[in-house]
């Protein structure tokens, strides 16, 4: 009887450990457009107690680096709560041009988000559960979508909008980093916003191993995971 109880408890504790989001994560993606490799994305997630920080840097590669000078850098910092990530500050840098910087500051006490871009400062009401453009992709590690649709209010640093991700199906997805059993989610393209398709790896804390952006003109930009490491794993 004691042995059965011990084994059941061991399995339970192991399942909790496997489900717990990592303290640190590093990831690298290949960026593909029209079948050609055009860049790479390097990302890092760190959690220190109840605080988190995410950085994402996109650089052009090969001949495309001649036309796309500089890097695109996204930063998100905030808190880890019982409901997952709660962003406090977001920045979107495009190269070294300060005039292209977009910033979002989240005030959860006053329930307002302030956007700063193009010399403007605008404030909007802050709905519960709002994420920024970067943190939304990491929120799935803390709030797994399961097999259902997901809604996020998202701040880009310029505006706030509701993103509805429709659950498509569970499927096997092969990328450079390996083959994963994934949940496929899709946000439709609109006249004002790009569409997004996500493939979240069930065995890797629901981290996106493939991301496809469907741009306003209909072209597709794809990120395929090349490497991924967790601490602890």
Protein backbone atom coordinates (compact mmCIF):
# COMPACT_ATOMS: atom_id res chain seq x y z
CA UNK A 1 0.00 0.00 0.00
CA UNK A 2 2.78 2.40 0.94
CA UNK A 3 4.68 1.49 -2.23
CA UNK A 4 1.65 2.28 -4.38
CA UNK A 5 1.18 5.60 -2.59
CA UNK A 6 4.87 6.45 -3.05
CA UNK A 7 4.77 5.61 -6.76
CA UNK A 8 1.58 7.62 -7.29
CA UNK A 9 3.10 10.59 -5.46
CA UNK A 10 6.29 10.34 -7.53
CA UNK A 11 4.32 10.37 -10.77
CA UNK A 12 2.28 13.35 -9.55
CA UNK A 13 5.34 15.37 -8.55
CA UNK A 14 7.07 14.52 -11.82
CA UNK A 15 4.06 15.70 -13.81
CA UNK A 16 4.11 19.00 -11.90
CA UNK A 17 7.83 19.47 -12.59
CA UNK A 18 7.35 18.77 -16.29
CA UNK A 19 4.42 21.19 -16.49
CA UNK A 20 6.18 24.02 -14.64
CA UNK A 21 7.35 26.80 -17.00
CA UNK A 22 11.15 27.17 -17.24
CA UNK A 23 13.17 29.81 -15.41
CA UNK A 24 15.23 30.54 -18.53
CA UNK A 25 14.83 29.90 -22.24
CA UNK A 26 16.91 30.59 -25.34
CA UNK A 27 15.61 30.04 -28.86
CA UNK A 28 16.76 30.60 -32.41
CA UNK A 29 14.54 30.74 -35.50
CA UNK A 30 15.23 30.72 -39.22
CA UNK A 31 13.23 33.39 -41.09
CA UNK A 32 11.96 32.31 -44.50
CA UNK A 33 10.15 34.30 -47.18
CA UNK A 34 9.15 32.96 -50.61
CA UNK A 35 11.21 29.84 -49.92
CA UNK A 36 14.40 31.78 -49.20
CA UNK A 37 16.29 32.20 -45.95
CA UNK A 38 16.22 35.94 -45.24
CA UNK A 39 17.15 36.26 -41.56
CA UNK A 40 17.30 34.84 -38.08
CA UNK A 41 15.61 35.53 -34.77
CA UNK A 42 17.32 35.05 -31.40
CA UNK A 43 15.20 35.13 -28.25
CA UNK A 44 15.83 34.90 -24.53
CA UNK A 45 13.36 34.55 -21.66
CA UNK A 46 14.41 34.94 -18.01
CA UNK A 47 12.37 34.70 -14.85
CA UNK A 48 13.67 36.01 -11.52
CA UNK A 49 11.13 35.30 -8.82
CA UNK A 50 7.94 37.03 -9.91
CA UNK A 51 9.66 39.20 -12.53
CA UNK A 52 10.27 38.27 -16.17
CA UNK A 53 12.21 39.68 -19.10
CA UNK A 54 12.02 38.70 -22.77
CA UNK A 55 14.27 39.90 -25.58
CA UNK A 56 13.90 39.13 -29.27
CA UNK A 57 16.38 40.26 -31.94
CA UNK A 58 15.80 39.83 -35.68
CA UNK A 59 18.66 40.29 -38.16
CA UNK A 60 18.76 39.89 -41.93
CA UNK A 61 21.26 37.37 -43.34
CA UNK A 62 23.15 36.87 -46.58
CA UNK A 63 22.42 39.21 -49.44
CA UNK A 64 19.30 40.47 -47.66
CA UNK A 65 21.52 42.10 -45.03
CA UNK A 66 22.54 44.60 -47.73
CA UNK A 67 18.98 45.90 -47.97
CA UNK A 68 17.75 45.51 -44.39
CA UNK A 69 20.35 47.31 -42.31
CA UNK A 70 20.12 47.26 -38.55
CA UNK A 71 18.13 44.92 -36.36
CA UNK A 72 14.57 44.69 -35.08
CA UNK A 73 14.55 44.34 -31.31
CA UNK A 74 11.57 43.63 -29.07
CA UNK A 75 11.70 43.77 -25.27
CA UNK A 76 9.02 42.87 -22.74
CA UNK A 77 9.35 43.10 -18.97
CA UNK A 78 6.75 42.49 -16.29
CA UNK A 79 5.40 40.18 -13.63
CA UNK A 80 4.51 36.50 -13.39
CA UNK A 81 1.08 36.05 -11.78
CA UNK A 82 -1.33 33.21 -11.16
CA UNK A 83 -2.82 34.03 -14.59
CA UNK A 84 0.55 34.01 -16.33
CA UNK A 85 2.52 36.95 -17.69
CA UNK A 86 1.47 40.51 -16.92
CA UNK A 87 3.55 42.97 -18.98
CA UNK A 88 4.60 46.30 -17.49
CA UNK A 89 6.82 47.73 -20.25
CA UNK A 90 7.26 46.91 -23.95
CA UNK A 91 9.64 48.34 -26.55
CA UNK A 92 9.84 47.83 -30.32
CA UNK A 93 13.11 49.09 -31.87
CA UNK A 94 13.72 49.25 -35.61
CA UNK A 95 17.45 49.75 -36.08
CA UNK A 96 19.11 52.69 -34.35
CA UNK A 97 16.48 55.22 -35.45
CA UNK A 98 14.94 56.53 -32.22
CA UNK A 99 12.10 58.07 -34.24
CA UNK A 100 10.86 54.55 -35.06
CA UNK A 101 10.75 53.41 -31.43
CA UNK A 102 7.35 52.24 -30.16
CA UNK A 103 6.72 51.86 -26.41
CA UNK A 104 3.84 50.58 -24.29
CA UNK A 105 3.60 51.12 -20.52
CA UNK A 106 0.96 49.15 -18.62
CA UNK A 107 -0.61 50.56 -15.44
CA UNK A 108 -2.55 47.69 -13.87
CA UNK A 109 -3.68 49.75 -10.89
CA UNK A 110 -5.31 52.45 -13.00
CA UNK A 111 -6.12 49.96 -15.80
CA UNK A 112 -4.58 52.05 -18.56
CA UNK A 113 -1.95 51.44 -21.23
CA UNK A 114 0.13 54.32 -22.63
CA UNK A 115 1.49 54.10 -26.17
CA UNK A 116 4.39 56.26 -27.35
CA UNK A 117 5.20 56.40 -31.08
CA UNK A 118 5.93 58.98 -33.79
CA UNK A 119 6.18 61.68 -31.13
CA UNK A 120 2.69 60.88 -29.87
CA UNK A 121 1.55 59.78 -26.42
CA UNK A 122 -1.85 58.08 -26.25
CA UNK A 123 -3.60 56.28 -23.40
CA UNK A 124 -6.27 53.58 -23.69
CA UNK A 125 -8.26 51.42 -21.24
CA UNK A 126 -6.41 48.24 -20.26
CA UNK A 127 -8.52 45.05 -20.44
CA UNK A 128 -7.72 42.17 -18.09
CA UNK A 129 -5.22 39.68 -19.50
CA UNK A 130 -3.73 42.09 -22.07
CA UNK A 131 -0.37 41.03 -23.52
CA UNK A 132 2.17 42.81 -25.68
CA UNK A 133 3.33 41.69 -29.10
CA UNK A 134 6.15 39.59 -27.62
CA UNK A 135 4.73 38.32 -24.33
CA UNK A 136 1.69 36.81 -26.05
CA UNK A 137 3.91 34.08 -27.54
CA UNK A 138 5.27 33.18 -24.10
CA UNK A 139 1.95 33.34 -22.29
CA UNK A 140 1.12 29.88 -23.69
CA UNK A 141 3.86 28.42 -21.43
CA UNK A 142 1.86 29.61 -18.42
CA UNK A 143 -1.69 29.24 -19.75
CA UNK A 144 -1.82 26.27 -22.12
CA UNK A 145 -4.53 26.73 -24.77
CA UNK A 146 -5.52 23.05 -24.88
CA UNK A 147 -7.84 22.32 -27.81
CA UNK A 148 -9.83 25.54 -27.82
CA UNK A 149 -9.90 29.07 -29.20
CA UNK A 150 -7.95 31.80 -27.39
CA UNK A 151 -8.56 35.56 -27.16
CA UNK A 152 -5.89 38.14 -26.30
CA UNK A 153 -5.95 41.91 -26.20
CA UNK A 154 -2.56 42.82 -27.67
CA UNK A 155 -0.55 46.05 -27.50
CA UNK A 156 1.91 46.67 -30.34
CA UNK A 157 3.23 49.90 -28.83
CA UNK A 158 1.05 51.78 -31.28
CA UNK A 159 -2.43 50.45 -30.58
CA UNK A 160 -4.47 47.90 -28.66
CA UNK A 161 -6.55 45.27 -30.46
CA UNK A 162 -8.28 41.97 -29.81
CA UNK A 163 -6.62 38.90 -31.32
CA UNK A 164 -8.82 35.84 -31.74
CA UNK A 165 -6.81 32.65 -32.23
CA UNK A 166 -8.91 29.83 -33.64
CA UNK A 167 -7.89 26.29 -32.74
CA UNK A 168 -7.32 24.39 -36.00
CA UNK A 169 -6.14 20.94 -34.94
CA UNK A 170 -3.46 18.91 -33.22
CA UNK A 171 -0.79 17.84 -35.69
CA UNK A 172 2.79 16.70 -36.18
CA UNK A 173 5.13 19.54 -37.19
CA UNK A 174 8.68 19.13 -38.48
CA UNK A 175 11.15 22.03 -38.24
CA UNK A 176 14.94 22.32 -38.09
CA UNK A 177 14.92 21.70 -34.32
CA UNK A 178 13.05 18.40 -34.69
CA UNK A 179 9.57 16.94 -35.01
CA UNK A 180 6.92 17.91 -32.47
CA UNK A 181 3.32 17.17 -31.64
CA UNK A 182 1.75 20.63 -31.84
CA UNK A 183 -1.43 22.63 -31.39
CA UNK A 184 -2.14 24.69 -34.51
CA UNK A 185 -3.78 28.08 -33.85
CA UNK A 186 -4.70 30.73 -36.42
CA UNK A 187 -5.53 34.44 -36.28
CA UNK A 188 -7.12 35.66 -39.51
CA UNK A 189 -5.65 38.53 -41.53
CA UNK A 190 -7.75 41.71 -41.63
CA UNK A 191 -7.55 44.95 -43.57
CA UNK A 192 -5.66 46.54 -40.68
CA UNK A 193 -3.62 43.67 -39.24
CA UNK A 194 -1.47 40.74 -40.31
CA UNK A 195 -2.68 37.21 -39.82
CA UNK A 196 -0.70 34.85 -37.59
CA UNK A 197 -0.49 31.07 -37.47
CA UNK A 198 1.14 29.33 -34.52
CA UNK A 199 2.28 25.76 -33.92
CA UNK A 200 2.81 25.17 -30.18
CA UNK A 201 4.89 22.16 -29.09
CA UNK A 202 3.01 20.22 -26.42
CA UNK A 203 6.17 18.58 -25.04
CA UNK A 204 8.10 21.87 -24.89
CA UNK A 205 5.86 23.95 -22.63
CA UNK A 206 3.66 24.94 -25.60
CA UNK A 207 6.47 27.08 -27.02
CA UNK A 208 5.93 28.11 -30.68
CA UNK A 209 8.13 26.01 -32.96
CA UNK A 210 6.67 27.50 -36.14
CA UNK A 211 5.15 30.95 -36.69
CA UNK A 212 3.74 32.26 -39.98
CA UNK A 213 2.85 35.93 -40.43
CA UNK A 214 0.39 36.59 -43.26
CA UNK A 215 1.06 40.19 -44.23
CA UNK A 216 -1.57 42.70 -45.37
CA UNK A 217 -0.56 42.20 -49.02
CA UNK A 218 -0.99 38.42 -48.66
CA UNK A 219 2.72 37.50 -48.57
CA UNK A 220 3.94 35.10 -45.89
CA UNK A 221 6.90 35.40 -43.53
CA UNK A 222 7.77 32.25 -41.62
CA UNK A 223 9.82 31.55 -38.50
CA UNK A 224 11.01 27.96 -38.08
CA UNK A 225 12.62 26.89 -34.82
CA UNK A 226 16.29 25.95 -35.22
CA UNK A 227 17.32 25.47 -31.58
CA UNK A 228 15.70 25.62 -28.16
CA UNK A 229 17.01 25.16 -24.62
CA UNK A 230 15.39 25.42 -21.20
CA UNK A 231 16.74 25.85 -17.68
CA UNK A 232 15.73 23.78 -15.85
CA UNK A 233 14.74 21.28 -18.53
